[in-house]
């Protein structure tokens, strides 16, 4: 699960920097330490990868589904209002 910005969007760096200012609060609301990657070409904000053995194994599949569902919801809740506010300000 990740949030990314296209490199052709001229405000990507500014949005990323604004989100970084709220990093601690964002991560607290999501419940995990996120990966904040910016190599100058691509920007990714992502949740940690969940380990599993075999998605054909029902318990592993359920574990991954639950994690992705929770992280999707948490990411949306953490970023939605912030991105709306930032987009109005820039």
C-alpha atoms as a PDB file:
ATOM      1  CA  UNK A   1       0.000   0.000   0.000  1.00  0.00           C
ATOM      2  CA  UNK A   2       1.538   3.300  -1.029  1.00  0.00           C
ATOM      3  CA  UNK A   3       0.920   6.901  -2.018  1.00  0.00           C
ATOM      4  CA  UNK A   4       2.920   8.237  -4.944  1.00  0.00           C
ATOM      5  CA  UNK A   5       3.105  11.362  -7.057  1.00  0.00           C
ATOM      6  CA  UNK A   6       3.826  11.462 -10.746  1.00  0.00           C
ATOM      7  CA  UNK A   7       7.169  13.056 -11.512  1.00  0.00           C
ATOM      8  CA  UNK A   8       5.536  15.283 -14.125  1.00  0.00           C
ATOM      9  CA  UNK A   9       3.391  16.980 -11.458  1.00  0.00           C
ATOM     10  CA  UNK A  10       5.294  20.152 -10.640  1.00  0.00           C
ATOM     11  CA  UNK A  11       3.986  20.411  -7.061  1.00  0.00           C
ATOM     12  CA  UNK A  12       5.023  16.884  -6.021  1.00  0.00           C
ATOM     13  CA  UNK A  13       8.045  17.966  -4.011  1.00  0.00           C
ATOM     14  CA  UNK A  14       6.128  20.710  -2.244  1.00  0.00           C
ATOM     15  CA  UNK A  15       3.331  18.320  -1.267  1.00  0.00           C
ATOM     16  CA  UNK A  16       5.831  15.714  -0.085  1.00  0.00           C
ATOM     17  CA  UNK A  17       7.636  18.296   2.039  1.00  0.00           C
ATOM     18  CA  UNK A  18       4.371  19.481   3.585  1.00  0.00           C
ATOM     19  CA  UNK A  19       3.392  15.911   4.432  1.00  0.00           C
ATOM     20  CA  UNK A  20       6.820  15.335   5.969  1.00  0.00           C
ATOM     21  CA  UNK A  21       6.066  18.130   8.431  1.00  0.00           C
ATOM     22  CA  UNK A  22       3.221  15.960   9.772  1.00  0.00           C
ATOM     23  CA  UNK A  23       5.147  12.695   9.558  1.00  0.00           C
ATOM     24  CA  UNK A  24       4.954  11.817  13.242  1.00  0.00           C
ATOM     25  CA  UNK A  25       1.213  12.515  13.458  1.00  0.00           C
ATOM     26  CA  UNK A  26       0.527  10.674  10.172  1.00  0.00           C
ATOM     27  CA  UNK A  27       2.435   7.585  11.277  1.00  0.00           C
ATOM     28  CA  UNK A  28       0.729   7.649  14.669  1.00  0.00           C
ATOM     29  CA  UNK A  29      -2.708   7.739  13.040  1.00  0.00           C
ATOM     30  CA  UNK A  30      -1.828   4.906  10.627  1.00  0.00           C
ATOM     31  CA  UNK A  31      -0.224   2.829  13.371  1.00  0.00           C
ATOM     32  CA  UNK A  32       3.048   1.978  11.615  1.00  0.00           C
ATOM     33  CA  UNK A  33       6.298   3.640  10.627  1.00  0.00           C
ATOM     34  CA  UNK A  34       6.011   4.479   6.947  1.00  0.00           C
ATOM     35  CA  UNK A  35       8.697   4.418   4.284  1.00  0.00           C
ATOM     36  CA  UNK A  36       9.222   7.943   2.948  1.00  0.00           C
ATOM     37  CA  UNK A  37      11.180   7.625  -0.295  1.00  0.00           C
ATOM     38  CA  UNK A  38      12.135  10.509  -2.553  1.00  0.00           C
ATOM     39  CA  UNK A  39      14.947   9.942  -5.021  1.00  0.00           C
ATOM     40  CA  UNK A  40      14.360  13.164  -6.957  1.00  0.00           C
ATOM     41  CA  UNK A  41      12.464  11.298  -9.668  1.00  0.00           C
ATOM     42  CA  UNK A  42       9.847   9.363  -7.741  1.00  0.00           C
ATOM     43  CA  UNK A  43       8.111   9.917  -4.450  1.00  0.00           C
ATOM     44  CA  UNK A  44       6.615   7.013  -2.513  1.00  0.00           C
ATOM     45  CA  UNK A  45       5.066   6.921   0.918  1.00  0.00           C
ATOM     46  CA  UNK A  46       4.377   3.294   1.776  1.00  0.00           C
ATOM     47  CA  UNK A  47       3.458   0.930   4.565  1.00  0.00           C
ATOM     48  CA  UNK A  48       5.893  -1.810   5.578  1.00  0.00           C
ATOM     49  CA  UNK A  49       5.753  -5.047   3.620  1.00  0.00           C
ATOM     50  CA  UNK A  50       3.950  -7.836   5.400  1.00  0.00           C
ATOM     51  CA  UNK A  51       5.683 -11.202   5.456  1.00  0.00           C
ATOM     52  CA  UNK A  52       3.828 -14.327   4.400  1.00  0.00           C
ATOM     53  CA  UNK A  53       4.674 -17.786   3.141  1.00  0.00           C
ATOM     54  CA  UNK A  54       1.990 -18.774   0.649  1.00  0.00           C
ATOM     55  CA  UNK A  55      -1.082 -16.851  -0.497  1.00  0.00           C
ATOM     56  CA  UNK A  56      -2.658 -20.163  -1.488  1.00  0.00           C
ATOM     57  CA  UNK A  57      -2.632 -20.983   2.232  1.00  0.00           C
ATOM     58  CA  UNK A  58      -5.912 -19.627   3.650  1.00  0.00           C
ATOM     59  CA  UNK A  59      -4.479 -18.290   6.951  1.00  0.00           C
ATOM     60  CA  UNK A  60      -1.715 -16.421   5.080  1.00  0.00           C
ATOM     61  CA  UNK A  61      -4.195 -15.050   2.545  1.00  0.00           C
ATOM     62  CA  UNK A  62      -6.576 -13.881   5.300  1.00  0.00           C
ATOM     63  CA  UNK A  63      -3.681 -12.241   7.156  1.00  0.00           C
ATOM     64  CA  UNK A  64      -2.604 -10.325   4.031  1.00  0.00           C
ATOM     65  CA  UNK A  65      -6.178  -9.329   3.169  1.00  0.00           C
ATOM     66  CA  UNK A  66      -6.771  -8.012   6.679  1.00  0.00           C
ATOM     67  CA  UNK A  67      -3.491  -6.077   6.670  1.00  0.00           C
ATOM     68  CA  UNK A  68      -4.135  -4.492   3.261  1.00  0.00           C
ATOM     69  CA  UNK A  69      -7.697  -3.598   4.213  1.00  0.00           C
ATOM     70  CA  UNK A  70      -6.615  -1.962   7.475  1.00  0.00           C
ATOM     71  CA  UNK A  71      -3.676  -0.141   5.902  1.00  0.00           C
ATOM     72  CA  UNK A  72      -5.811   1.106   3.000  1.00  0.00           C
ATOM     73  CA  UNK A  73      -8.369   2.522   5.399  1.00  0.00           C
ATOM     74  CA  UNK A  74      -5.717   4.028   7.673  1.00  0.00           C
ATOM     75  CA  UNK A  75      -3.816   5.616   4.762  1.00  0.00           C
ATOM     76  CA  UNK A  76      -6.995   7.157   3.351  1.00  0.00           C
ATOM     77  CA  UNK A  77      -7.987   8.524   6.748  1.00  0.00           C
ATOM     78  CA  UNK A  78      -4.508   9.904   7.425  1.00  0.00           C
ATOM     79  CA  UNK A  79      -3.936  11.550   4.045  1.00  0.00           C
ATOM     80  CA  UNK A  80      -7.343  12.581   2.669  1.00  0.00           C
ATOM     81  CA  UNK A  81      -7.884  15.796   4.634  1.00  0.00           C
ATOM     82  CA  UNK A  82      -4.229  16.747   4.576  1.00  0.00           C
ATOM     83  CA  UNK A  83      -4.025  16.425   0.797  1.00  0.00           C
ATOM     84  CA  UNK A  84      -7.267  18.355   0.319  1.00  0.00           C
ATOM     85  CA  UNK A  85      -5.971  21.191   2.520  1.00  0.00           C
ATOM     86  CA  UNK A  86      -2.562  21.261   0.851  1.00  0.00           C
ATOM     87  CA  UNK A  87      -4.133  21.293  -2.625  1.00  0.00           C
ATOM     88  CA  UNK A  88      -6.180  24.367  -1.666  1.00  0.00           C
ATOM     89  CA  UNK A  89      -3.106  26.158  -0.311  1.00  0.00           C
ATOM     90  CA  UNK A  90      -0.633  25.600  -3.133  1.00  0.00           C
END
